[in-house]
């Protein structure tokens, strides 16, 4: 088992930290700790937030014994066993790559010294792990992106990036759930809604999920976008 440490974050939060790297096995241990804490809650714990390689536990110090919580976290971290996930449960997301909808695809291809068609193939050939949600509701940080297309963030972020924009930032890829600023390299756009408060389950993706992208053309994008608009 890998090492871990538990560090305080003020007087009402503890953070379980595993190795400082983007790694599926490390992330699986963090998610296992979070899942156990959700399954068997501790009195006074307000929230449990897993990230790439840590779990933040927010608690009410007037209702929770710090020492007891520390002991519980040590047990969970030491014995964290990732839950089994079915390989068939892969979320498939259609993407219209390049052109107006993917203005940075050419730059990503130049970064890898490859044709745009190969950059698309490399992005769609991988099965990505959802490491964590953050930044905005439903934004899934996914990886690991092939090194040939793992272009760094733009030097100057865009002020407005539309919902559905698919981007790359180093070894990560993600889909914008709402319009917002971003410095990620935009390679395409999907009509799929990663977050919809009107759905019974608002979040399309959750930490630990597997995701694959597949290409569609502009006509398919417009058709699917119209259908998604009509459903909201």
Protein backbone atom coordinates (compact mmCIF):
# COMPACT_ATOMS: atom_id res chain seq x y z
CA UNK A 1 0.00 0.00 0.00
CA UNK A 2 1.16 3.51 -0.74
CA UNK A 3 1.97 6.01 1.97
CA UNK A 4 -0.38 8.73 3.12
CA UNK A 5 -0.53 11.58 5.57
CA UNK A 6 -3.37 13.45 7.27
CA UNK A 7 -2.96 17.21 7.60
CA UNK A 8 -5.21 19.86 9.18
CA UNK A 9 -6.77 22.64 7.11
CA UNK A 10 -7.83 25.07 9.81
CA UNK A 11 -9.79 23.92 12.83
CA UNK A 12 -12.66 22.29 10.95
CA UNK A 13 -11.11 20.23 8.16
CA UNK A 14 -8.68 17.35 7.76
CA UNK A 15 -7.10 16.28 4.47
CA UNK A 16 -6.00 12.75 3.69
CA UNK A 17 -3.13 13.02 1.19
CA UNK A 18 -1.71 10.22 -0.94
CA UNK A 19 1.18 10.46 -3.43
CA UNK A 20 1.41 13.76 -5.26
CA UNK A 21 0.87 12.61 -8.82
CA UNK A 22 -1.90 12.07 -11.35
CA UNK A 23 -2.34 8.32 -11.18
CA UNK A 24 -5.39 6.09 -11.47
CA UNK A 25 -4.39 3.83 -8.57
CA UNK A 26 -3.76 6.78 -6.24
CA UNK A 27 -7.07 8.35 -7.24
CA UNK A 28 -8.88 5.05 -6.68
CA UNK A 29 -7.63 4.96 -3.07
CA UNK A 30 -8.80 8.52 -2.47
CA UNK A 31 -12.24 7.69 -3.86
CA UNK A 32 -12.38 4.52 -1.75
CA UNK A 33 -11.84 6.58 1.42
CA UNK A 34 -14.54 9.05 0.37
CA UNK A 35 -16.99 6.26 -0.47
CA UNK A 36 -16.45 4.62 2.92
CA UNK A 37 -17.06 7.89 4.72
CA UNK A 38 -20.26 8.43 2.75
CA UNK A 39 -21.42 4.86 3.41
CA UNK A 40 -20.73 5.06 7.16
CA UNK A 41 -21.01 8.77 8.05
CA UNK A 42 -19.31 10.32 11.04
CA UNK A 43 -21.43 12.56 13.26
CA UNK A 44 -20.71 16.22 12.61
CA UNK A 45 -18.94 15.69 9.28
CA UNK A 46 -20.34 18.30 6.90
CA UNK A 47 -18.76 17.30 3.61
CA UNK A 48 -16.32 14.84 2.07
CA UNK A 49 -14.55 16.03 -1.10
CA UNK A 50 -12.24 13.70 -3.06
CA UNK A 51 -9.67 15.10 -5.51
CA UNK A 52 -6.93 13.60 -7.69
CA UNK A 53 -4.93 12.33 -4.74
CA UNK A 54 -6.56 13.53 -1.54
CA UNK A 55 -9.79 13.68 0.43
CA UNK A 56 -10.90 16.79 2.29
CA UNK A 57 -13.15 16.12 5.28
CA UNK A 58 -15.01 19.14 6.64
CA UNK A 59 -16.48 18.80 10.11
CA UNK A 60 -18.12 20.72 12.95
CA UNK A 61 -15.55 20.79 15.80
CA UNK A 62 -18.39 21.20 18.30
CA UNK A 63 -20.02 17.96 17.19
CA UNK A 64 -17.04 15.86 16.11
CA UNK A 65 -14.18 14.50 18.17
CA UNK A 66 -11.00 15.50 16.35
CA UNK A 67 -9.08 12.52 17.74
CA UNK A 68 -11.82 10.05 16.86
CA UNK A 69 -12.10 11.44 13.34
CA UNK A 70 -8.33 11.31 12.91
CA UNK A 71 -8.30 7.67 14.00
CA UNK A 72 -11.14 6.83 11.59
CA UNK A 73 -9.35 8.52 8.68
CA UNK A 74 -6.13 6.66 9.45
CA UNK A 75 -7.99 3.34 9.38
CA UNK A 76 -9.78 4.15 6.15
CA UNK A 77 -6.64 5.42 4.41
CA UNK A 78 -4.54 2.45 5.50
CA UNK A 79 -7.12 -0.08 4.35
CA UNK A 80 -8.65 1.71 1.36
CA UNK A 81 -9.75 -0.86 -1.23
CA UNK A 82 -11.00 0.59 -4.53
CA UNK A 83 -14.51 -0.52 -5.46
CA UNK A 84 -14.93 -2.68 -8.54
CA UNK A 85 -16.33 -0.89 -11.58
CA UNK A 86 -17.71 -2.58 -14.67
CA UNK A 87 -15.71 -2.04 -17.83
CA UNK A 88 -19.01 -1.84 -19.73
CA UNK A 89 -20.03 1.28 -17.84
CA UNK A 90 -18.23 3.65 -20.19
CA UNK A 91 -19.78 7.04 -20.86
CA UNK A 92 -19.55 7.87 -24.56
CA UNK A 93 -19.48 11.54 -25.55
CA UNK A 94 -19.84 12.73 -29.17
CA UNK A 95 -17.55 15.57 -30.26
CA UNK A 96 -17.42 17.72 -33.38
CA UNK A 97 -13.69 18.38 -33.68
CA UNK A 98 -11.87 21.35 -35.18
CA UNK A 99 -13.09 24.31 -37.19
CA UNK A 100 -15.20 26.93 -35.44
CA UNK A 101 -16.09 24.48 -32.67
CA UNK A 102 -12.48 23.45 -31.99
CA UNK A 103 -10.36 26.53 -32.68
CA UNK A 104 -7.22 25.16 -30.97
CA UNK A 105 -7.10 21.77 -32.66
CA UNK A 106 -4.51 23.03 -35.16
CA UNK A 107 -2.27 24.31 -32.34
CA UNK A 108 -2.55 20.99 -30.51
CA UNK A 109 -1.55 19.18 -33.71
CA UNK A 110 1.42 21.51 -34.14
CA UNK A 111 2.41 20.81 -30.52
CA UNK A 112 2.56 17.09 -31.31
CA UNK A 113 4.03 17.58 -34.81
CA UNK A 114 1.17 15.48 -36.18
CA UNK A 115 -1.78 16.01 -38.56
CA UNK A 116 -5.06 17.22 -37.08
CA UNK A 117 -6.66 13.90 -38.02
CA UNK A 118 -4.12 12.05 -35.86
CA UNK A 119 -4.67 14.46 -32.97
CA UNK A 120 -8.38 13.61 -33.13
CA UNK A 121 -7.60 9.90 -33.30
CA UNK A 122 -5.35 10.11 -30.25
CA UNK A 123 -8.04 11.93 -28.29
CA UNK A 124 -10.74 9.41 -29.23
CA UNK A 125 -8.62 6.26 -28.88
CA UNK A 126 -8.18 6.64 -25.12
CA UNK A 127 -10.50 5.68 -22.29
CA UNK A 128 -10.30 8.47 -19.73
CA UNK A 129 -10.76 8.27 -16.00
CA UNK A 130 -12.78 10.95 -14.23
CA UNK A 131 -10.38 11.88 -11.43
CA UNK A 132 -12.49 14.58 -9.81
CA UNK A 133 -15.19 17.22 -10.27
CA UNK A 134 -14.41 20.89 -9.70
CA UNK A 135 -14.02 24.41 -11.10
CA UNK A 136 -17.74 24.59 -11.93
CA UNK A 137 -20.77 22.26 -11.44
CA UNK A 138 -20.24 19.07 -13.39
CA UNK A 139 -16.76 19.84 -14.75
CA UNK A 140 -14.95 16.50 -14.83
CA UNK A 141 -11.15 16.49 -14.80
CA UNK A 142 -10.24 13.50 -16.96
CA UNK A 143 -6.99 11.83 -17.96
CA UNK A 144 -4.56 10.75 -18.92
CA UNK A 145 -4.14 12.46 -22.30
CA UNK A 146 -1.62 11.03 -24.77
CA UNK A 147 1.66 12.94 -24.41
CA UNK A 148 1.62 13.85 -28.09
CA UNK A 149 -1.48 16.01 -27.64
CA UNK A 150 -0.93 17.06 -24.02
CA UNK A 151 -0.54 20.73 -24.94
CA UNK A 152 -0.27 23.20 -22.04
CA UNK A 153 -2.90 25.81 -21.27
CA UNK A 154 -3.09 28.90 -23.46
CA UNK A 155 -0.98 31.85 -22.34
CA UNK A 156 -4.05 34.10 -22.59
CA UNK A 157 -7.32 32.52 -21.37
CA UNK A 158 -10.55 33.15 -23.23
CA UNK A 159 -13.13 35.21 -21.38
CA UNK A 160 -16.06 33.19 -22.73
CA UNK A 161 -15.96 29.50 -23.55
CA UNK A 162 -19.31 27.93 -24.52
CA UNK A 163 -21.05 25.05 -22.84
CA UNK A 164 -19.97 21.76 -24.36
CA UNK A 165 -16.49 22.92 -25.33
CA UNK A 166 -13.99 20.04 -25.14
CA UNK A 167 -10.51 21.04 -24.08
CA UNK A 168 -7.03 19.83 -23.23
CA UNK A 169 -4.70 21.19 -20.56
CA UNK A 170 -1.55 19.13 -20.30
CA UNK A 171 -2.40 15.56 -19.34
CA UNK A 172 -6.03 16.48 -18.63
CA UNK A 173 -9.11 16.76 -20.82
CA UNK A 174 -12.56 18.03 -19.95
CA UNK A 175 -15.95 19.33 -21.11
CA UNK A 176 -17.35 22.74 -20.16
CA UNK A 177 -20.74 22.26 -18.47
CA UNK A 178 -21.59 25.97 -18.68
CA UNK A 179 -20.27 29.07 -20.42
CA UNK A 180 -17.24 30.33 -18.47
CA UNK A 181 -13.68 31.64 -18.90
CA UNK A 182 -10.98 29.08 -19.65
CA UNK A 183 -7.37 28.78 -20.70
CA UNK A 184 -7.70 25.20 -21.95
CA UNK A 185 -6.94 24.30 -25.57
CA UNK A 186 -10.33 23.91 -27.26
CA UNK A 187 -10.34 21.03 -29.74
CA UNK A 188 -14.07 20.48 -30.27
CA UNK A 189 -17.54 20.73 -28.87
CA UNK A 190 -20.20 18.25 -27.73
CA UNK A 191 -23.99 18.64 -27.66
CA UNK A 192 -24.04 16.54 -24.48
CA UNK A 193 -24.82 18.36 -21.23
CA UNK A 194 -22.35 17.38 -18.46
CA UNK A 195 -24.58 19.16 -15.94
CA UNK A 196 -28.33 19.76 -16.04
CA UNK A 197 -30.16 20.73 -12.86
CA UNK A 198 -33.46 19.61 -14.42
CA UNK A 199 -32.31 15.98 -14.70
CA UNK A 200 -33.04 13.47 -11.97
CA UNK A 201 -29.27 12.99 -11.83
CA UNK A 202 -27.79 16.41 -12.68
CA UNK A 203 -24.20 15.19 -13.08
CA UNK A 204 -23.40 13.11 -16.16
CA UNK A 205 -19.98 12.10 -14.84
CA UNK A 206 -18.73 11.22 -11.37
CA UNK A 207 -15.25 10.55 -9.96
CA UNK A 208 -14.08 7.08 -10.96
CA UNK A 209 -16.17 6.92 -14.15
CA UNK A 210 -14.68 5.91 -17.50
CA UNK A 211 -15.25 8.14 -20.54
CA UNK A 212 -14.59 7.81 -24.26
CA UNK A 213 -15.06 10.47 -26.93
CA UNK A 214 -16.13 9.75 -30.50
CA UNK A 215 -16.19 12.06 -33.52
CA UNK A 216 -19.30 13.44 -35.21
CA UNK A 217 -19.63 15.90 -38.08
CA UNK A 218 -21.13 19.38 -37.93
CA UNK A 219 -24.55 18.26 -39.22
CA UNK A 220 -24.77 15.59 -36.53
CA UNK A 221 -23.69 18.11 -33.92
CA UNK A 222 -26.41 20.57 -34.98
CA UNK A 223 -29.06 17.85 -34.96
CA UNK A 224 -28.06 16.60 -31.51
CA UNK A 225 -27.72 20.14 -30.18
CA UNK A 226 -31.24 20.99 -31.36
CA UNK A 227 -32.58 17.85 -29.68
CA UNK A 228 -30.79 18.71 -26.44
CA UNK A 229 -32.17 22.26 -26.55
CA UNK A 230 -35.70 20.97 -27.10
CA UNK A 231 -35.39 18.63 -24.11
CA UNK A 232 -34.53 21.46 -21.70
